[in-house]
PDB file of N, CA and C in Angstrom:
ATOM      1  N   MET A   1     -53.987 -37.025  17.521  1.00  0.00           N
ATOM      2  CA  MET A   1     -53.337 -35.793  17.115  1.00  0.00           C
ATOM      3  C   MET A   1     -54.232 -35.110  16.078  1.00  0.00           C
ATOM      4  N   LYS A   2     -54.386 -33.825  16.196  1.00  0.00           N
ATOM      5  CA  LYS A   2     -55.230 -33.059  15.284  1.00  0.00           C
ATOM      6  C   LYS A   2     -54.587 -33.020  13.893  1.00  0.00           C
ATOM      7  N   PRO A   3     -55.407 -32.930  12.836  1.00  0.00           N
ATOM      8  CA  PRO A   3     -54.867 -32.846  11.480  1.00  0.00           C
ATOM      9  C   PRO A   3     -53.941 -31.639  11.286  1.00  0.00           C
ATOM     10  N   ALA A   4     -54.261 -30.520  11.903  1.00  0.00           N
ATOM     11  CA  ALA A   4     -53.412 -29.329  11.770  1.00  0.00           C
ATOM     12  C   ALA A   4     -52.040 -29.571  12.394  1.00  0.00           C
ATOM     13  N   THR A   5     -52.001 -30.279  13.504  1.00  0.00           N
ATOM     14  CA  THR A   5     -50.731 -30.593  14.166  1.00  0.00           C
ATOM     15  C   THR A   5     -49.915 -31.545  13.308  1.00  0.00           C
ATOM     16  N   LYS A   6     -50.580 -32.540  12.728  1.00  0.00           N
ATOM     17  CA  LYS A   6     -49.885 -33.483  11.842  1.00  0.00           C
ATOM     18  C   LYS A   6     -49.292 -32.750  10.642  1.00  0.00           C
ATOM     19  N   LEU A   7     -50.058 -31.836  10.072  1.00  0.00           N
ATOM     20  CA  LEU A   7     -49.580 -31.068   8.921  1.00  0.00           C
ATOM     21  C   LEU A   7     -48.383 -30.204   9.306  1.00  0.00           C
ATOM     22  N   THR A   8     -48.430 -29.583  10.454  1.00  0.00           N
ATOM     23  CA  THR A   8     -47.322 -28.749  10.928  1.00  0.00           C
ATOM     24  C   THR A   8     -46.063 -29.584  11.126  1.00  0.00           C
ATOM     25  N   VAL A   9     -46.199 -30.739  11.752  1.00  0.00           N
ATOM     26  CA  VAL A   9     -45.049 -31.627  11.971  1.00  0.00           C
ATOM     27  C   VAL A   9     -44.495 -32.106  10.636  1.00  0.00           C
ATOM     28  N   PHE A  10     -45.374 -32.488   9.722  1.00  0.00           N
ATOM     29  CA  PHE A  10     -44.944 -32.943   8.405  1.00  0.00           C
ATOM     30  C   PHE A  10     -44.171 -31.849   7.671  1.00  0.00           C
ATOM     31  N   CYS A  11     -44.687 -30.636   7.683  1.00  0.00           N
ATOM     32  CA  CYS A  11     -44.013 -29.513   7.016  1.00  0.00           C
ATOM     33  C   CYS A  11     -42.652 -29.230   7.648  1.00  0.00           C
ATOM     34  N   ALA A  12     -42.562 -29.321   8.958  1.00  0.00           N
ATOM     35  CA  ALA A  12     -41.289 -29.089   9.644  1.00  0.00           C
ATOM     36  C   ALA A  12     -40.264 -30.147   9.257  1.00  0.00           C
ATOM     37  N   VAL A  13     -40.686 -31.396   9.161  1.00  0.00           N
ATOM     38  CA  VAL A  13     -39.779 -32.484   8.772  1.00  0.00           C
ATOM     39  C   VAL A  13     -39.319 -32.306   7.326  1.00  0.00           C
ATOM     40  N   VAL A  14     -40.232 -31.951   6.439  1.00  0.00           N
ATOM     41  CA  VAL A  14     -39.879 -31.725   5.033  1.00  0.00           C
ATOM     42  C   VAL A  14     -38.895 -30.565   4.916  1.00  0.00           C
ATOM     43  N   LEU A  15     -39.133 -29.487   5.626  1.00  0.00           N
ATOM     44  CA  LEU A  15     -38.230 -28.337   5.595  1.00  0.00           C
ATOM     45  C   LEU A  15     -36.851 -28.714   6.123  1.00  0.00           C
ATOM     46  N   ALA A  16     -36.790 -29.439   7.224  1.00  0.00           N
ATOM     47  CA  ALA A  16     -35.506 -29.859   7.790  1.00  0.00           C
ATOM     48  C   ALA A  16     -34.753 -30.762   6.819  1.00  0.00           C
ATOM     49  N   ALA A  17     -35.458 -31.679   6.169  1.00  0.00           N
ATOM     50  CA  ALA A  17     -34.821 -32.573   5.197  1.00  0.00           C
ATOM     51  C   ALA A  17     -34.278 -31.786   4.008  1.00  0.00           C
ATOM     52  N   PHE A  18     -35.054 -30.823   3.529  1.00  0.00           N
ATOM     53  CA  PHE A  18     -34.600 -29.998   2.411  1.00  0.00           C
ATOM     54  C   PHE A  18     -33.357 -29.196   2.782  1.00  0.00           C
ATOM     55  N   LEU A  19     -33.362 -28.583   3.952  1.00  0.00           N
ATOM     56  CA  LEU A  19     -32.205 -27.792   4.387  1.00  0.00           C
ATOM     57  C   LEU A  19     -30.969 -28.664   4.542  1.00  0.00           C
ATOM     58  N   LEU A  20     -31.118 -29.842   5.110  1.00  0.00           N
ATOM     59  CA  LEU A  20     -29.992 -30.761   5.264  1.00  0.00           C
ATOM     60  C   LEU A  20     -29.453 -31.186   3.910  1.00  0.00           C
ATOM     61  N   TYR A  21     -30.342 -31.569   2.999  1.00  0.00           N
ATOM     62  CA  TYR A  21     -29.915 -31.988   1.666  1.00  0.00           C
ATOM     63  C   TYR A  21     -29.214 -30.860   0.921  1.00  0.00           C
ATOM     64  N   SER A  22     -29.789 -29.675   0.919  1.00  0.00           N
ATOM     65  CA  SER A  22     -29.196 -28.565   0.167  1.00  0.00           C
ATOM     66  C   SER A  22     -27.851 -28.148   0.749  1.00  0.00           C
ATOM     67  N   THR A  23     -27.699 -28.249   2.054  1.00  0.00           N
ATOM     68  CA  THR A  23     -26.420 -27.917   2.684  1.00  0.00           C
ATOM     69  C   THR A  23     -25.363 -28.946   2.328  1.00  0.00           C
ATOM     70  N   LEU A  24     -25.688 -30.208   2.443  1.00  0.00           N
ATOM     71  CA  LEU A  24     -24.714 -31.262   2.172  1.00  0.00           C
ATOM     72  C   LEU A  24     -24.400 -31.387   0.688  1.00  0.00           C
ATOM     73  N   ALA A  25     -25.356 -31.133  -0.180  1.00  0.00           N
ATOM     74  CA  ALA A  25     -25.131 -31.234  -1.619  1.00  0.00           C
ATOM     75  C   ALA A  25     -24.151 -30.175  -2.104  1.00  0.00           C
ATOM     76  N   ALA A  26     -24.099 -29.035  -1.449  1.00  0.00           N
ATOM     77  CA  ALA A  26     -23.209 -27.952  -1.861  1.00  0.00           C
ATOM     78  C   ALA A  26     -21.771 -28.179  -1.412  1.00  0.00           C
ATOM     79  N   GLN A  27     -21.546 -29.095  -0.491  1.00  0.00           N
ATOM     80  CA  GLN A  27     -20.215 -29.317   0.074  1.00  0.00           C
ATOM     81  C   GLN A  27     -19.475 -30.392  -0.718  1.00  0.00           C
ATOM     82  N   LYS A  28     -19.037 -30.066  -1.931  1.00  0.00           N
ATOM     83  CA  LYS A  28     -18.411 -31.051  -2.808  1.00  0.00           C
ATOM     84  C   LYS A  28     -16.896 -31.076  -2.692  1.00  0.00           C
ATOM     85  N   LYS A  29     -16.279 -29.969  -2.363  1.00  0.00           N
ATOM     86  CA  LYS A  29     -14.821 -29.874  -2.254  1.00  0.00           C
ATOM     87  C   LYS A  29     -14.459 -29.438  -0.843  1.00  0.00           C
ATOM     88  N   ALA A  30     -13.362 -29.976  -0.313  1.00  0.00           N
ATOM     89  CA  ALA A  30     -12.919 -29.625   1.040  1.00  0.00           C
ATOM     90  C   ALA A  30     -11.446 -29.243   1.001  1.00  0.00           C
ATOM     91  N   CYS A  31     -11.081 -28.193   1.722  1.00  0.00           N
ATOM     92  CA  CYS A  31      -9.698 -27.721   1.761  1.00  0.00           C
ATOM     93  C   CYS A  31      -9.272 -27.407   3.188  1.00  0.00           C
ATOM     94  N   ASN A  32      -8.001 -27.644   3.452  1.00  0.00           N
ATOM     95  CA  ASN A  32      -7.374 -27.244   4.707  1.00  0.00           C
ATOM     96  C   ASN A  32      -6.346 -26.177   4.342  1.00  0.00           C
ATOM     97  N   VAL A  33      -6.452 -25.012   4.935  1.00  0.00           N
ATOM     98  CA  VAL A  33      -5.579 -23.884   4.603  1.00  0.00           C
ATOM     99  C   VAL A  33      -4.883 -23.393   5.860  1.00  0.00           C
ATOM    100  N   CYS A  34      -3.565 -23.175   5.746  1.00  0.00           N
ATOM    101  CA  CYS A  34      -2.792 -22.577   6.832  1.00  0.00           C
ATOM    102  C   CYS A  34      -2.342 -21.190   6.391  1.00  0.00           C
ATOM    103  N   VAL A  35      -2.464 -20.233   7.296  1.00  0.00           N
ATOM    104  CA  VAL A  35      -2.108 -18.846   7.008  1.00  0.00           C
ATOM    105  C   VAL A  35      -1.070 -18.377   8.018  1.00  0.00           C
ATOM    106  N   ALA A  36      -0.020 -17.739   7.522  1.00  0.00           N
ATOM    107  CA  ALA A  36       0.976 -17.100   8.384  1.00  0.00           C
ATOM    108  C   ALA A  36       0.771 -15.596   8.251  1.00  0.00           C
ATOM    109  N   PHE A  37       0.503 -14.935   9.385  1.00  0.00           N
ATOM    110  CA  PHE A  37       0.199 -13.507   9.350  1.00  0.00           C
ATOM    111  C   PHE A  37       0.771 -12.841  10.587  1.00  0.00           C
ATOM    112  N   LYS A  38       1.654 -11.871  10.365  1.00  0.00           N
ATOM    113  CA  LYS A  38       2.262 -11.078  11.446  1.00  0.00           C
ATOM    114  C   LYS A  38       2.833 -11.956  12.561  1.00  0.00           C
ATOM    115  N   GLY A  39       3.577 -12.976  12.156  1.00  0.00           N
ATOM    116  CA  GLY A  39       4.250 -13.843  13.118  1.00  0.00           C
ATOM    117  C   GLY A  39       3.394 -14.940  13.711  1.00  0.00           C
ATOM    118  N   ALA A  40       2.129 -14.977  13.380  1.00  0.00           N
ATOM    119  CA  ALA A  40       1.239 -16.027  13.891  1.00  0.00           C
ATOM    120  C   ALA A  40       0.842 -16.943  12.738  1.00  0.00           C
ATOM    121  N   ARG A  41       0.515 -18.174  13.081  1.00  0.00           N
ATOM    122  CA  ARG A  41       0.102 -19.148  12.071  1.00  0.00           C
ATOM    123  C   ARG A  41      -1.140 -19.877  12.585  1.00  0.00           C
ATOM    124  N   ASN A  42      -2.102 -20.065  11.689  1.00  0.00           N
ATOM    125  CA  ASN A  42      -3.322 -20.778  12.054  1.00  0.00           C
ATOM    126  C   ASN A  42      -3.828 -21.535  10.834  1.00  0.00           C
ATOM    127  N   CYS A  43      -4.442 -22.678  11.085  1.00  0.00           N
ATOM    128  CA  CYS A  43      -5.000 -23.500  10.014  1.00  0.00           C
ATOM    129  C   CYS A  43      -6.495 -23.680  10.231  1.00  0.00           C
ATOM    130  N   ALA A  44      -7.218 -23.864   9.129  1.00  0.00           N
ATOM    131  CA  ALA A  44      -8.660 -24.093   9.206  1.00  0.00           C
ATOM    132  C   ALA A  44      -9.097 -24.967   8.042  1.00  0.00           C
ATOM    133  N   HIS A  45     -10.232 -25.633   8.231  1.00  0.00           N
ATOM    134  CA  HIS A  45     -10.801 -26.538   7.239  1.00  0.00           C
ATOM    135  C   HIS A  45     -12.158 -25.988   6.810  1.00  0.00           C
ATOM    136  N   ALA A  46     -12.443 -26.075   5.508  1.00  0.00           N
ATOM    137  CA  ALA A  46     -13.752 -25.637   5.017  1.00  0.00           C
ATOM    138  C   ALA A  46     -14.131 -26.454   3.795  1.00  0.00           C
ATOM    139  N   SER A  47     -15.412 -26.508   3.510  1.00  0.00           N
ATOM    140  CA  SER A  47     -15.893 -27.190   2.315  1.00  0.00           C
ATOM    141  C   SER A  47     -16.878 -26.282   1.592  1.00  0.00           C
ATOM    142  N   ALA A  48     -16.937 -26.460   0.273  1.00  0.00           N
ATOM    143  CA  ALA A  48     -17.823 -25.648  -0.560  1.00  0.00           C
ATOM    144  C   ALA A  48     -18.030 -26.372  -1.882  1.00  0.00           C
ATOM    145  N   GLU A  49     -18.696 -25.713  -2.797  1.00  0.00           N
ATOM    146  CA  GLU A  49     -18.987 -26.337  -4.081  1.00  0.00           C
ATOM    147  C   GLU A  49     -17.749 -26.422  -4.968  1.00  0.00           C
ATOM    148  N   THR A  50     -16.834 -25.437  -4.874  1.00  0.00           N
ATOM    149  CA  THR A  50     -15.614 -25.451  -5.680  1.00  0.00           C
ATOM    150  C   THR A  50     -14.390 -25.353  -4.773  1.00  0.00           C
ATOM    151  N   VAL A  51     -13.232 -25.726  -5.329  1.00  0.00           N
ATOM    152  CA  VAL A  51     -11.978 -25.632  -4.577  1.00  0.00           C
ATOM    153  C   VAL A  51     -11.682 -24.178  -4.233  1.00  0.00           C
ATOM    154  N   LYS A  52     -11.932 -23.266  -5.169  1.00  0.00           N
ATOM    155  CA  LYS A  52     -11.669 -21.847  -4.929  1.00  0.00           C
ATOM    156  C   LYS A  52     -12.496 -21.324  -3.753  1.00  0.00           C
ATOM    157  N   GLU A  53     -13.773 -21.662  -3.721  1.00  0.00           N
ATOM    158  CA  GLU A  53     -14.643 -21.211  -2.627  1.00  0.00           C
ATOM    159  C   GLU A  53     -14.241 -21.839  -1.299  1.00  0.00           C
ATOM    160  N   ALA A  54     -13.878 -23.129  -1.330  1.00  0.00           N
ATOM    161  CA  ALA A  54     -13.462 -23.811  -0.096  1.00  0.00           C
ATOM    162  C   ALA A  54     -12.159 -23.219   0.435  1.00  0.00           C
ATOM    163  N   THR A  55     -11.225 -22.914  -0.469  1.00  0.00           N
ATOM    164  CA  THR A  55      -9.950 -22.318  -0.063  1.00  0.00           C
ATOM    165  C   THR A  55     -10.171 -20.941   0.553  1.00  0.00           C
ATOM    166  N   LYS A  56     -10.990 -20.125  -0.081  1.00  0.00           N
ATOM    167  CA  LYS A  56     -11.264 -18.774   0.427  1.00  0.00           C
ATOM    168  C   LYS A  56     -11.959 -18.830   1.786  1.00  0.00           C
ATOM    169  N   SER A  57     -12.916 -19.722   1.924  1.00  0.00           N
ATOM    170  CA  SER A  57     -13.631 -19.854   3.194  1.00  0.00           C
ATOM    171  C   SER A  57     -12.701 -20.327   4.306  1.00  0.00           C
ATOM    172  N   ALA A  58     -11.839 -21.292   4.001  1.00  0.00           N
ATOM    173  CA  ALA A  58     -10.886 -21.789   5.005  1.00  0.00           C
ATOM    174  C   ALA A  58      -9.893 -20.699   5.389  1.00  0.00           C
ATOM    175  N   GLN A  59      -9.449 -19.902   4.416  1.00  0.00           N
ATOM    176  CA  GLN A  59      -8.507 -18.827   4.728  1.00  0.00           C
ATOM    177  C   GLN A  59      -9.165 -17.777   5.623  1.00  0.00           C
ATOM    178  N   THR A  60     -10.383 -17.411   5.325  1.00  0.00           N
ATOM    179  CA  THR A  60     -11.095 -16.444   6.162  1.00  0.00           C
ATOM    180  C   THR A  60     -11.251 -16.969   7.585  1.00  0.00           C
ATOM    181  N   THR A  61     -11.561 -18.251   7.711  1.00  0.00           N
ATOM    182  CA  THR A  61     -11.703 -18.867   9.032  1.00  0.00           C
ATOM    183  C   THR A  61     -10.367 -18.912   9.762  1.00  0.00           C
ATOM    184  N   ALA A  62      -9.296 -19.227   9.035  1.00  0.00           N
ATOM    185  CA  ALA A  62      -7.965 -19.282   9.649  1.00  0.00           C
ATOM    186  C   ALA A  62      -7.507 -17.899  10.101  1.00  0.00           C
ATOM    187  N   CYS A  63      -7.888 -16.867   9.383  1.00  0.00           N
ATOM    188  CA  CYS A  63      -7.481 -15.506   9.736  1.00  0.00           C
ATOM    189  C   CYS A  63      -8.210 -14.982  10.974  1.00  0.00           C
ATOM    190  N   GLY A  64      -9.381 -15.500  11.254  1.00  0.00           N
ATOM    191  CA  GLY A  64     -10.193 -14.999  12.363  1.00  0.00           C
ATOM    192  C   GLY A  64      -9.457 -14.843  13.677  1.00  0.00           C
ATOM    193  N   PRO A  65      -8.813 -15.896  14.189  1.00  0.00           N
ATOM    194  CA  PRO A  65      -8.153 -15.787  15.501  1.00  0.00           C
ATOM    195  C   PRO A  65      -6.845 -14.992  15.499  1.00  0.00           C
ATOM    196  N   ILE A  66      -6.219 -14.818  14.328  1.00  0.00           N
ATOM    197  CA  ILE A  66      -4.901 -14.163  14.322  1.00  0.00           C
ATOM    198  C   ILE A  66      -4.940 -12.722  13.830  1.00  0.00           C
ATOM    199  N   ALA A  67      -6.052 -12.299  13.237  1.00  0.00           N
ATOM    200  CA  ALA A  67      -6.192 -10.910  12.793  1.00  0.00           C
ATOM    201  C   ALA A  67      -7.077 -10.170  13.789  1.00  0.00           C
ATOM    202  N   HIS A  68      -6.675  -8.958  14.125  1.00  0.00           N
ATOM    203  CA  HIS A  68      -7.416  -8.162  15.104  1.00  0.00           C
ATOM    204  C   HIS A  68      -7.962  -6.913  14.423  1.00  0.00           C
ATOM    205  N   GLY A  69      -9.264  -6.831  14.319  1.00  0.00           N
ATOM    206  CA  GLY A  69      -9.899  -5.681  13.689  1.00  0.00           C
ATOM    207  C   GLY A  69     -10.162  -5.921  12.215  1.00  0.00           C
ATOM    208  N   MET A  70     -10.973  -5.056  11.646  1.00  0.00           N
ATOM    209  CA  MET A  70     -11.381  -5.202  10.257  1.00  0.00           C
ATOM    210  C   MET A  70     -10.217  -5.031   9.288  1.00  0.00           C
ATOM    211  N   ALA A  71      -9.349  -4.053   9.523  1.00  0.00           N
ATOM    212  CA  ALA A  71      -8.231  -3.808   8.611  1.00  0.00           C
ATOM    213  C   ALA A  71      -7.307  -5.019   8.540  1.00  0.00           C
ATOM    214  N   GLU A  72      -6.971  -5.600   9.691  1.00  0.00           N
ATOM    215  CA  GLU A  72      -6.102  -6.780   9.699  1.00  0.00           C
ATOM    216  C   GLU A  72      -6.808  -7.990   9.098  1.00  0.00           C
ATOM    217  N   SER A  73      -8.103  -8.110   9.297  1.00  0.00           N
ATOM    218  CA  SER A  73      -8.848  -9.226   8.706  1.00  0.00           C
ATOM    219  C   SER A  73      -8.789  -9.167   7.187  1.00  0.00           C
ATOM    220  N   ILE A  74      -8.977  -7.986   6.637  1.00  0.00           N
ATOM    221  CA  ILE A  74      -8.906  -7.812   5.184  1.00  0.00           C
ATOM    222  C   ILE A  74      -7.493  -8.081   4.696  1.00  0.00           C
ATOM    223  N   GLU A  75      -6.503  -7.563   5.418  1.00  0.00           N
ATOM    224  CA  GLU A  75      -5.106  -7.779   5.048  1.00  0.00           C
ATOM    225  C   GLU A  75      -4.762  -9.268   5.086  1.00  0.00           C
ATOM    226  N   CYS A  76      -5.189  -9.962   6.128  1.00  0.00           N
ATOM    227  CA  CYS A  76      -4.914 -11.392   6.269  1.00  0.00           C
ATOM    228  C   CYS A  76      -5.591 -12.190   5.153  1.00  0.00           C
ATOM    229  N   ASP A  77      -6.815 -11.819   4.803  1.00  0.00           N
ATOM    230  CA  ASP A  77      -7.524 -12.511   3.723  1.00  0.00           C
ATOM    231  C   ASP A  77      -6.806 -12.384   2.384  1.00  0.00           C
ATOM    232  N   ASN A  78      -6.010 -11.327   2.219  1.00  0.00           N
ATOM    233  CA  ASN A  78      -5.303 -11.099   0.960  1.00  0.00           C
ATOM    234  C   ASN A  78      -3.885 -11.649   0.941  1.00  0.00           C
ATOM    235  N   VAL A  79      -3.420 -12.195   2.071  1.00  0.00           N
ATOM    236  CA  VAL A  79      -2.088 -12.809   2.129  1.00  0.00           C
ATOM    237  C   VAL A  79      -2.167 -14.188   1.477  1.00  0.00           C
ATOM    238  N   PRO A  80      -1.192 -14.539   0.625  1.00  0.00           N
ATOM    239  CA  PRO A  80      -1.208 -15.895   0.061  1.00  0.00           C
ATOM    240  C   PRO A  80      -1.100 -16.936   1.179  1.00  0.00           C
ATOM    241  N   PRO A  81      -1.875 -18.004   1.120  1.00  0.00           N
ATOM    242  CA  PRO A  81      -1.825 -19.027   2.165  1.00  0.00           C
ATOM    243  C   PRO A  81      -0.449 -19.680   2.243  1.00  0.00           C
ATOM    244  N   ALA A  82      -0.031 -20.037   3.453  1.00  0.00           N
ATOM    245  CA  ALA A  82       1.242 -20.726   3.640  1.00  0.00           C
ATOM    246  C   ALA A  82       1.145 -22.171   3.166  1.00  0.00           C
ATOM    247  N   GLU A  83      -0.040 -22.749   3.279  1.00  0.00           N
ATOM    248  CA  GLU A  83      -0.235 -24.151   2.896  1.00  0.00           C
ATOM    249  C   GLU A  83      -1.693 -24.372   2.517  1.00  0.00           C
ATOM    250  N   VAL A  84      -1.904 -25.110   1.433  1.00  0.00           N
ATOM    251  CA  VAL A  84      -3.258 -25.448   0.989  1.00  0.00           C
ATOM    252  C   VAL A  84      -3.289 -26.927   0.615  1.00  0.00           C
ATOM    253  N   LYS A  85      -4.214 -27.662   1.213  1.00  0.00           N
ATOM    254  CA  LYS A  85      -4.426 -29.073   0.857  1.00  0.00           C
ATOM    255  C   LYS A  85      -5.914 -29.263   0.627  1.00  0.00           C
ATOM    256  N   CYS A  86      -6.267 -29.713  -0.576  1.00  0.00           N
ATOM    257  CA  CYS A  86      -7.681 -29.892  -0.909  1.00  0.00           C
ATOM    258  C   CYS A  86      -7.980 -31.333  -1.309  1.00  0.00           C
ATOM    259  N   ASP A  87      -9.155 -31.810  -0.901  1.00  0.00           N
ATOM    260  CA  ASP A  87      -9.672 -33.104  -1.329  1.00  0.00           C
ATOM    261  C   ASP A  87     -10.585 -32.836  -2.512  1.00  0.00           C
ATOM    262  N   THR A  88     -10.286 -33.448  -3.638  1.00  0.00           N
ATOM    263  CA  THR A  88     -11.120 -33.189  -4.817  1.00  0.00           C
ATOM    264  C   THR A  88     -11.983 -34.362  -5.168  1.00  0.00           C
TER     265      THR A  88
END
């Protein structure tokens, strides 16, 4: 194998390891959030560095399938969650 190819493979492995580590290191808190919006209910799970960020991310994910359009998505994101369970 040529030295340039070895260097390219090495750099790719280092980059992949860094991305994996930085992604997993940021996922310290996990939350499951259920949202009731306009007669529909959906739950989603998310993880983030803080409980607040994990809750917000899970709520946004839960709103995705039950809100139609940008206005409803924003409205759903602002509705208090029906249920929140977080692992701390």
